[in-house]
Amino acid sequence: CERTKEAAVIDPGANAKAILDKIGDLKVIAIINTH
């Protein structure tokens, strides 16, 4: 969300460091697995 900087990560299947680098300063409030 551009206003609140809250975020969800959908299907973090691997490469956690790359995902966390992309997250940066966002506040992740959910990891959602589609299956």
PDB file of all heavy atoms in Angstrom:
ATOM      1  N   CYS A   1       0.853  -1.185   0.000  1.00  0.00           N
ATOM      2  CA  CYS A   1       0.000   0.000   0.000  1.00  0.00           C
ATOM      3  C   CYS A   1       0.887   1.232   0.000  1.00  0.00           C
ATOM      4  O   CYS A   1       1.728   1.397   0.893  1.00  0.00           O
ATOM      5  CB  CYS A   1      -0.909  -0.021   1.227  1.00  0.00           C
ATOM      6  SG  CYS A   1      -1.847   1.495   1.495  1.00  0.00           S
ATOM      7  N   GLU A   2       0.711   2.085  -0.959  1.00  0.00           N
ATOM      8  CA  GLU A   2       1.563   3.256  -1.100  1.00  0.00           C
ATOM      9  C   GLU A   2       1.400   4.227   0.071  1.00  0.00           C
ATOM     10  O   GLU A   2       2.355   4.903   0.452  1.00  0.00           O
ATOM     11  CB  GLU A   2       1.260   3.974  -2.412  1.00  0.00           C
ATOM     12  CG  GLU A   2       1.637   3.194  -3.663  1.00  0.00           C
ATOM     13  CD  GLU A   2       3.123   3.290  -3.983  1.00  0.00           C
ATOM     14  OE1 GLU A   2       3.959   3.030  -3.094  1.00  0.00           O
ATOM     15  OE2 GLU A   2       3.455   3.639  -5.115  1.00  0.00           O
ATOM     16  N   ARG A   3       0.212   4.276   0.668  1.00  0.00           N
ATOM     17  CA  ARG A   3      -0.015   5.232   1.754  1.00  0.00           C
ATOM     18  C   ARG A   3       0.579   4.746   3.068  1.00  0.00           C
ATOM     19  O   ARG A   3       1.269   5.489   3.761  1.00  0.00           O
ATOM     20  CB  ARG A   3      -1.519   5.492   1.925  1.00  0.00           C
ATOM     21  CG  ARG A   3      -1.833   6.532   3.015  1.00  0.00           C
ATOM     22  CD  ARG A   3      -3.322   6.753   3.164  1.00  0.00           C
ATOM     23  NE  ARG A   3      -4.006   5.585   3.678  1.00  0.00           N
ATOM     24  CZ  ARG A   3      -4.103   5.266   4.973  1.00  0.00           C
ATOM     25  NH1 ARG A   3      -3.531   6.044   5.903  1.00  0.00           N
ATOM     26  NH2 ARG A   3      -4.751   4.184   5.350  1.00  0.00           N
ATOM     27  N   THR A   4       0.302   3.485   3.415  1.00  0.00           N
ATOM     28  CA  THR A   4       0.704   2.992   4.734  1.00  0.00           C
ATOM     29  C   THR A   4       2.045   2.261   4.733  1.00  0.00           C
ATOM     30  O   THR A   4       2.615   2.011   5.792  1.00  0.00           O
ATOM     31  CB  THR A   4      -0.359   2.030   5.279  1.00  0.00           C
ATOM     32  OG1 THR A   4      -0.411   0.863   4.428  1.00  0.00           O
ATOM     33  CG2 THR A   4      -1.728   2.687   5.326  1.00  0.00           C
ATOM     34  N   LYS A   5       2.507   1.867   3.532  1.00  0.00           N
ATOM     35  CA  LYS A   5       3.741   1.071   3.381  1.00  0.00           C
ATOM     36  C   LYS A   5       3.607  -0.321   3.993  1.00  0.00           C
ATOM     37  O   LYS A   5       4.610  -0.993   4.229  1.00  0.00           O
ATOM     38  CB  LYS A   5       4.957   1.805   3.975  1.00  0.00           C
ATOM     39  CG  LYS A   5       5.178   3.189   3.373  1.00  0.00           C
ATOM     40  CD  LYS A   5       5.313   3.132   1.862  1.00  0.00           C
ATOM     41  CE  LYS A   5       5.510   4.507   1.257  1.00  0.00           C
ATOM     42  NZ  LYS A   5       5.532   4.488  -0.235  1.00  0.00           N
ATOM     43  N   GLU A   6       2.371  -0.750   4.242  1.00  0.00           N
ATOM     44  CA  GLU A   6       2.153  -2.133   4.639  1.00  0.00           C
ATOM     45  C   GLU A   6       2.228  -3.020   3.401  1.00  0.00           C
ATOM     46  O   GLU A   6       1.915  -2.583   2.288  1.00  0.00           O
ATOM     47  CB  GLU A   6       0.802  -2.289   5.327  1.00  0.00           C
ATOM     48  CG  GLU A   6       0.729  -1.609   6.677  1.00  0.00           C
ATOM     49  CD  GLU A   6      -0.590  -1.820   7.378  1.00  0.00           C
ATOM     50  OE1 GLU A   6      -1.558  -2.258   6.721  1.00  0.00           O
ATOM     51  OE2 GLU A   6      -0.660  -1.541   8.590  1.00  0.00           O
ATOM     52  N   ALA A   7       2.638  -4.273   3.607  1.00  0.00           N
ATOM     53  CA  ALA A   7       2.841  -5.153   2.463  1.00  0.00           C
ATOM     54  C   ALA A   7       2.496  -6.590   2.807  1.00  0.00           C
ATOM     55  O   ALA A   7       2.498  -6.995   3.978  1.00  0.00           O
ATOM     56  CB  ALA A   7       4.290  -5.072   1.984  1.00  0.00           C
ATOM     57  N   ALA A   8       2.203  -7.355   1.765  1.00  0.00           N
ATOM     58  CA  ALA A   8       2.054  -8.809   1.870  1.00  0.00           C
ATOM     59  C   ALA A   8       3.026  -9.447   0.901  1.00  0.00           C
ATOM     60  O   ALA A   8       3.268  -8.929  -0.190  1.00  0.00           O
ATOM     61  CB  ALA A   8       0.629  -9.234   1.545  1.00  0.00           C
ATOM     62  N   VAL A   9       3.582 -10.582   1.305  1.00  0.00           N
ATOM     63  CA  VAL A   9       4.438 -11.367   0.422  1.00  0.00           C
ATOM     64  C   VAL A   9       3.650 -12.605   0.019  1.00  0.00           C
ATOM     65  O   VAL A   9       3.235 -13.392   0.872  1.00  0.00           O
ATOM     66  CB  VAL A   9       5.750 -11.773   1.112  1.00  0.00           C
ATOM     67  CG1 VAL A   9       6.618 -12.590   0.166  1.00  0.00           C
ATOM     68  CG2 VAL A   9       6.499 -10.547   1.603  1.00  0.00           C
ATOM     69  N   ILE A  10       3.426 -12.756  -1.276  1.00  0.00           N
ATOM     70  CA  ILE A  10       2.667 -13.882  -1.792  1.00  0.00           C
ATOM     71  C   ILE A  10       3.629 -14.915  -2.372  1.00  0.00           C
ATOM     72  O   ILE A  10       4.426 -14.603  -3.262  1.00  0.00           O
ATOM     73  CB  ILE A  10       1.664 -13.422  -2.876  1.00  0.00           C
ATOM     74  CG1 ILE A  10       0.674 -12.403  -2.290  1.00  0.00           C
ATOM     75  CG2 ILE A  10       0.913 -14.616  -3.470  1.00  0.00           C
ATOM     76  CD1 ILE A  10      -0.237 -11.766  -3.318  1.00  0.00           C
ATOM     77  N   ASP A  11       3.577 -16.118  -1.853  1.00  0.00           N
ATOM     78  CA  ASP A  11       4.360 -17.260  -2.334  1.00  0.00           C
ATOM     79  C   ASP A  11       5.873 -17.035  -2.327  1.00  0.00           C
ATOM     80  O   ASP A  11       6.534 -17.075  -3.370  1.00  0.00           O
ATOM     81  CB  ASP A  11       3.895 -17.658  -3.739  1.00  0.00           C
ATOM     82  CG  ASP A  11       2.528 -18.322  -3.741  1.00  0.00           C
ATOM     83  OD1 ASP A  11       2.091 -18.772  -2.666  1.00  0.00           O
ATOM     84  OD2 ASP A  11       1.896 -18.398  -4.806  1.00  0.00           O
ATOM     85  N   PRO A  12       6.456 -16.841  -1.148  1.00  0.00           N
ATOM     86  CA  PRO A  12       7.923 -16.765  -1.056  1.00  0.00           C
ATOM     87  C   PRO A  12       8.528 -18.167  -1.115  1.00  0.00           C
ATOM     88  O   PRO A  12       8.777 -18.796  -0.091  1.00  0.00           O
ATOM     89  CB  PRO A  12       8.149 -16.101   0.305  1.00  0.00           C
ATOM     90  CG  PRO A  12       6.978 -16.549   1.131  1.00  0.00           C
ATOM     91  CD  PRO A  12       5.815 -16.661   0.169  1.00  0.00           C
ATOM     92  N   GLY A  13       8.763 -18.652  -2.320  1.00  0.00           N
ATOM     93  CA  GLY A  13       9.148 -20.042  -2.487  1.00  0.00           C
ATOM     94  C   GLY A  13      10.608 -20.337  -2.233  1.00  0.00           C
ATOM     95  O   GLY A  13      10.974 -21.465  -1.923  1.00  0.00           O
ATOM     96  N   ALA A  14      11.479 -19.331  -2.368  1.00  0.00           N
ATOM     97  CA  ALA A  14      12.921 -19.518  -2.198  1.00  0.00           C
ATOM     98  C   ALA A  14      13.565 -18.135  -2.246  1.00  0.00           C
ATOM     99  O   ALA A  14      12.872 -17.114  -2.315  1.00  0.00           O
ATOM    100  CB  ALA A  14      13.482 -20.427  -3.291  1.00  0.00           C
ATOM    101  N   ASN A  15      14.903 -18.126  -2.192  1.00  0.00           N
ATOM    102  CA  ASN A  15      15.665 -16.876  -2.338  1.00  0.00           C
ATOM    103  C   ASN A  15      15.213 -15.805  -1.356  1.00  0.00           C
ATOM    104  O   ASN A  15      14.884 -14.674  -1.736  1.00  0.00           O
ATOM    105  CB  ASN A  15      15.560 -16.351  -3.773  1.00  0.00           C
ATOM    106  CG  ASN A  15      15.997 -17.367  -4.811  1.00  0.00           C
ATOM    107  OD1 ASN A  15      15.169 -17.847  -5.581  1.00  0.00           O
ATOM    108  ND2 ASN A  15      17.269 -17.741  -4.817  1.00  0.00           N
ATOM    109  N   ALA A  16      15.194 -16.183  -0.076  1.00  0.00           N
ATOM    110  CA  ALA A  16      14.699 -15.277   0.958  1.00  0.00           C
ATOM    111  C   ALA A  16      15.448 -13.942   0.970  1.00  0.00           C
ATOM    112  O   ALA A  16      14.834 -12.887   1.159  1.00  0.00           O
ATOM    113  CB  ALA A  16      14.799 -15.947   2.321  1.00  0.00           C
ATOM    114  N   LYS A  17      16.772 -13.973   0.793  1.00  0.00           N
ATOM    115  CA  LYS A  17      17.536 -12.724   0.846  1.00  0.00           C
ATOM    116  C   LYS A  17      17.087 -11.755  -0.243  1.00  0.00           C
ATOM    117  O   LYS A  17      16.936 -10.549   0.009  1.00  0.00           O
ATOM    118  CB  LYS A  17      19.027 -12.994   0.707  1.00  0.00           C
ATOM    119  CG  LYS A  17      19.885 -11.729   0.834  1.00  0.00           C
ATOM    120  CD  LYS A  17      21.349 -12.007   0.702  1.00  0.00           C
ATOM    121  CE  LYS A  17      22.176 -10.744   0.946  1.00  0.00           C
ATOM    122  NZ  LYS A  17      21.781  -9.603   0.069  1.00  0.00           N
ATOM    123  N   ALA A  18      16.872 -12.244  -1.446  1.00  0.00           N
ATOM    124  CA  ALA A  18      16.421 -11.379  -2.532  1.00  0.00           C
ATOM    125  C   ALA A  18      15.046 -10.799  -2.229  1.00  0.00           C
ATOM    126  O   ALA A  18      14.774  -9.621  -2.520  1.00  0.00           O
ATOM    127  CB  ALA A  18      16.397 -12.155  -3.847  1.00  0.00           C
ATOM    128  N   ILE A  19      14.171 -11.605  -1.634  1.00  0.00           N
ATOM    129  CA  ILE A  19      12.845 -11.116  -1.267  1.00  0.00           C
ATOM    130  C   ILE A  19      12.953 -10.039  -0.195  1.00  0.00           C
ATOM    131  O   ILE A  19      12.318  -8.978  -0.288  1.00  0.00           O
ATOM    132  CB  ILE A  19      11.958 -12.278  -0.791  1.00  0.00           C
ATOM    133  CG1 ILE A  19      11.715 -13.267  -1.931  1.00  0.00           C
ATOM    134  CG2 ILE A  19      10.621 -11.756  -0.252  1.00  0.00           C
ATOM    135  CD1 ILE A  19      11.031 -14.560  -1.492  1.00  0.00           C
ATOM    136  N   LEU A  20      13.769 -10.283   0.812  1.00  0.00           N
ATOM    137  CA  LEU A  20      13.923  -9.302   1.897  1.00  0.00           C
ATOM    138  C   LEU A  20      14.567  -8.020   1.389  1.00  0.00           C
ATOM    139  O   LEU A  20      14.202  -6.919   1.822  1.00  0.00           O
ATOM    140  CB  LEU A  20      14.745  -9.913   3.026  1.00  0.00           C
ATOM    141  CG  LEU A  20      14.045 -11.029   3.807  1.00  0.00           C
ATOM    142  CD1 LEU A  20      15.021 -11.731   4.734  1.00  0.00           C
ATOM    143  CD2 LEU A  20      12.861 -10.481   4.599  1.00  0.00           C
ATOM    144  N   ASP A  21      15.507  -8.140   0.461  1.00  0.00           N
ATOM    145  CA  ASP A  21      16.113  -6.932  -0.129  1.00  0.00           C
ATOM    146  C   ASP A  21      15.063  -6.120  -0.862  1.00  0.00           C
ATOM    147  O   ASP A  21      15.061  -4.881  -0.811  1.00  0.00           O
ATOM    148  CB  ASP A  21      17.240  -7.320  -1.090  1.00  0.00           C
ATOM    149  CG  ASP A  21      18.485  -7.810  -0.370  1.00  0.00           C
ATOM    150  OD1 ASP A  21      18.588  -7.598   0.860  1.00  0.00           O
ATOM    151  OD2 ASP A  21      19.357  -8.409  -1.038  1.00  0.00           O
ATOM    152  N   LYS A  22      14.161  -6.793  -1.545  1.00  0.00           N
ATOM    153  CA  LYS A  22      13.104  -6.095  -2.285  1.00  0.00           C
ATOM    154  C   LYS A  22      12.086  -5.474  -1.320  1.00  0.00           C
ATOM    155  O   LYS A  22      11.546  -4.398  -1.587  1.00  0.00           O
ATOM    156  CB  LYS A  22      12.407  -7.069  -3.228  1.00  0.00           C
ATOM    157  CG  LYS A  22      11.373  -6.443  -4.143  1.00  0.00           C
ATOM    158  CD  LYS A  22      11.999  -5.531  -5.172  1.00  0.00           C
ATOM    159  CE  LYS A  22      12.745  -6.299  -6.236  1.00  0.00           C
ATOM    160  NZ  LYS A  22      13.185  -5.427  -7.350  1.00  0.00           N
ATOM    161  N   ILE A  23      11.848  -6.134  -0.198  1.00  0.00           N
ATOM    162  CA  ILE A  23      10.915  -5.593   0.796  1.00  0.00           C
ATOM    163  C   ILE A  23      11.427  -4.276   1.354  1.00  0.00           C
ATOM    164  O   ILE A  23      10.665  -3.321   1.544  1.00  0.00           O
ATOM    165  CB  ILE A  23      10.714  -6.613   1.938  1.00  0.00           C
ATOM    166  CG1 ILE A  23       9.883  -7.798   1.442  1.00  0.00           C
ATOM    167  CG2 ILE A  23      10.025  -5.967   3.143  1.00  0.00           C
ATOM    168  CD1 ILE A  23       9.844  -8.962   2.406  1.00  0.00           C
ATOM    169  N   GLY A  24      12.717  -4.211   1.629  1.00  0.00           N
ATOM    170  CA  GLY A  24      13.301  -2.970   2.138  1.00  0.00           C
ATOM    171  C   GLY A  24      12.649  -2.508   3.424  1.00  0.00           C
ATOM    172  O   GLY A  24      12.554  -3.250   4.396  1.00  0.00           O
ATOM    173  N   ASP A  25      12.148  -1.276   3.410  1.00  0.00           N
ATOM    174  CA  ASP A  25      11.565  -0.672   4.609  1.00  0.00           C
ATOM    175  C   ASP A  25      10.058  -0.906   4.745  1.00  0.00           C
ATOM    176  O   ASP A  25       9.427  -0.349   5.644  1.00  0.00           O
ATOM    177  CB  ASP A  25      11.832   0.838   4.614  1.00  0.00           C
ATOM    178  CG  ASP A  25      13.318   1.153   4.739  1.00  0.00           C
ATOM    179  OD1 ASP A  25      14.042   0.350   5.350  1.00  0.00           O
ATOM    180  OD2 ASP A  25      13.752   2.195   4.198  1.00  0.00           O
ATOM    181  N   LEU A  26       9.488  -1.688   3.856  1.00  0.00           N
ATOM    182  CA  LEU A  26       8.060  -1.958   3.955  1.00  0.00           C
ATOM    183  C   LEU A  26       7.748  -2.747   5.226  1.00  0.00           C
ATOM    184  O   LEU A  26       8.576  -3.523   5.710  1.00  0.00           O
ATOM    185  CB  LEU A  26       7.585  -2.759   2.737  1.00  0.00           C
ATOM    186  CG  LEU A  26       7.642  -2.056   1.381  1.00  0.00           C
ATOM    187  CD1 LEU A  26       7.338  -3.048   0.269  1.00  0.00           C
ATOM    188  CD2 LEU A  26       6.679  -0.876   1.330  1.00  0.00           C
ATOM    189  N   LYS A  27       6.543  -2.559   5.738  1.00  0.00           N
ATOM    190  CA  LYS A  27       6.092  -3.299   6.912  1.00  0.00           C
ATOM    191  C   LYS A  27       5.263  -4.492   6.445  1.00  0.00           C
ATOM    192  O   LYS A  27       4.101  -4.350   6.064  1.00  0.00           O
ATOM    193  CB  LYS A  27       5.254  -2.404   7.829  1.00  0.00           C
ATOM    194  CG  LYS A  27       4.750  -3.135   9.068  1.00  0.00           C
ATOM    195  CD  LYS A  27       3.852  -2.246   9.915  1.00  0.00           C
ATOM    196  CE  LYS A  27       3.324  -3.009  11.127  1.00  0.00           C
ATOM    197  NZ  LYS A  27       2.386  -2.173  11.932  1.00  0.00           N
ATOM    198  N   VAL A  28       5.859  -5.675   6.465  1.00  0.00           N
ATOM    199  CA  VAL A  28       5.163  -6.874   6.002  1.00  0.00           C
ATOM    200  C   VAL A  28       4.196  -7.340   7.090  1.00  0.00           C
ATOM    201  O   VAL A  28       4.603  -7.609   8.223  1.00  0.00           O
ATOM    202  CB  VAL A  28       6.155  -7.993   5.662  1.00  0.00           C
ATOM    203  CG1 VAL A  28       5.410  -9.258   5.237  1.00  0.00           C
ATOM    204  CG2 VAL A  28       7.098  -7.544   4.550  1.00  0.00           C
ATOM    205  N   ILE A  29       2.939  -7.437   6.750  1.00  0.00           N
ATOM    206  CA  ILE A  29       1.938  -7.847   7.737  1.00  0.00           C
ATOM    207  C   ILE A  29       1.325  -9.199   7.398  1.00  0.00           C
ATOM    208  O   ILE A  29       0.483  -9.690   8.151  1.00  0.00           O
ATOM    209  CB  ILE A  29       0.834  -6.790   7.911  1.00  0.00           C
ATOM    210  CG1 ILE A  29       0.071  -6.570   6.612  1.00  0.00           C
ATOM    211  CG2 ILE A  29       1.431  -5.473   8.391  1.00  0.00           C
ATOM    212  CD1 ILE A  29      -1.146  -5.682   6.799  1.00  0.00           C
ATOM    213  N   ALA A  30       1.763  -9.814   6.284  1.00  0.00           N
ATOM    214  CA  ALA A  30       1.243 -11.138   5.950  1.00  0.00           C
ATOM    215  C   ALA A  30       2.149 -11.824   4.938  1.00  0.00           C
ATOM    216  O   ALA A  30       2.659 -11.194   4.017  1.00  0.00           O
ATOM    217  CB  ALA A  30      -0.174 -11.046   5.390  1.00  0.00           C
ATOM    218  N   ILE A  31       2.346 -13.116   5.158  1.00  0.00           N
ATOM    219  CA  ILE A  31       2.894 -14.016   4.154  1.00  0.00           C
ATOM    220  C   ILE A  31       1.737 -14.892   3.720  1.00  0.00           C
ATOM    221  O   ILE A  31       1.134 -15.585   4.543  1.00  0.00           O
ATOM    222  CB  ILE A  31       4.020 -14.896   4.736  1.00  0.00           C
ATOM    223  CG1 ILE A  31       5.194 -14.043   5.208  1.00  0.00           C
ATOM    224  CG2 ILE A  31       4.479 -15.936   3.715  1.00  0.00           C
ATOM    225  CD1 ILE A  31       6.173 -14.794   6.087  1.00  0.00           C
ATOM    226  N   ILE A  32       1.397 -14.851   2.434  1.00  0.00           N
ATOM    227  CA  ILE A  32       0.236 -15.589   1.947  1.00  0.00           C
ATOM    228  C   ILE A  32       0.707 -16.659   0.976  1.00  0.00           C
ATOM    229  O   ILE A  32       1.361 -16.361  -0.023  1.00  0.00           O
ATOM    230  CB  ILE A  32      -0.775 -14.660   1.242  1.00  0.00           C
ATOM    231  CG1 ILE A  32      -1.136 -13.459   2.132  1.00  0.00           C
ATOM    232  CG2 ILE A  32      -2.029 -15.445   0.879  1.00  0.00           C
ATOM    233  CD1 ILE A  32      -2.015 -12.430   1.448  1.00  0.00           C
ATOM    234  N   ASN A  33       0.367 -17.897   1.279  1.00  0.00           N
ATOM    235  CA  ASN A  33       0.672 -19.006   0.375  1.00  0.00           C
ATOM    236  C   ASN A  33      -0.585 -19.361  -0.414  1.00  0.00           C
ATOM    237  O   ASN A  33      -1.618 -19.674   0.179  1.00  0.00           O
ATOM    238  CB  ASN A  33       1.146 -20.231   1.150  1.00  0.00           C
ATOM    239  CG  ASN A  33       2.433 -19.999   1.920  1.00  0.00           C
ATOM    240  OD1 ASN A  33       2.527 -20.351   3.095  1.00  0.00           O
ATOM    241  ND2 ASN A  33       3.437 -19.416   1.290  1.00  0.00           N
ATOM    242  N   THR A  34      -0.493 -19.326  -1.736  1.00  0.00           N
ATOM    243  CA  THR A  34      -1.656 -19.674  -2.552  1.00  0.00           C
ATOM    244  C   THR A  34      -1.961 -21.160  -2.486  1.00  0.00           C
ATOM    245  O   THR A  34      -3.083 -21.583  -2.786  1.00  0.00           O
ATOM    246  CB  THR A  34      -1.468 -19.268  -4.018  1.00  0.00           C
ATOM    247  OG1 THR A  34      -0.327 -19.948  -4.565  1.00  0.00           O
ATOM    248  CG2 THR A  34      -1.288 -17.760  -4.141  1.00  0.00           C
ATOM    249  N   HIS A  35      -0.958 -21.965  -2.121  1.00  0.00           N
ATOM    250  CA  HIS A  35      -1.158 -23.385  -1.849  1.00  0.00           C
ATOM    251  C   HIS A  35       0.082 -23.901  -1.140  1.00  0.00           C
ATOM    252  O   HIS A  35       1.034 -23.137  -0.904  1.00  0.00           O
ATOM    253  CB  HIS A  35      -1.474 -24.175  -3.124  1.00  0.00           C
ATOM    254  CG  HIS A  35      -0.406 -24.143  -4.166  1.00  0.00           C
ATOM    255  ND1 HIS A  35      -0.112 -23.015  -4.908  1.00  0.00           N
ATOM    256  CD2 HIS A  35       0.469 -25.102  -4.598  1.00  0.00           C
ATOM    257  CE1 HIS A  35       0.866 -23.277  -5.750  1.00  0.00           C
ATOM    258  NE2 HIS A  35       1.246 -24.545  -5.575  1.00  0.00           N
TER     259      HIS A  35
END
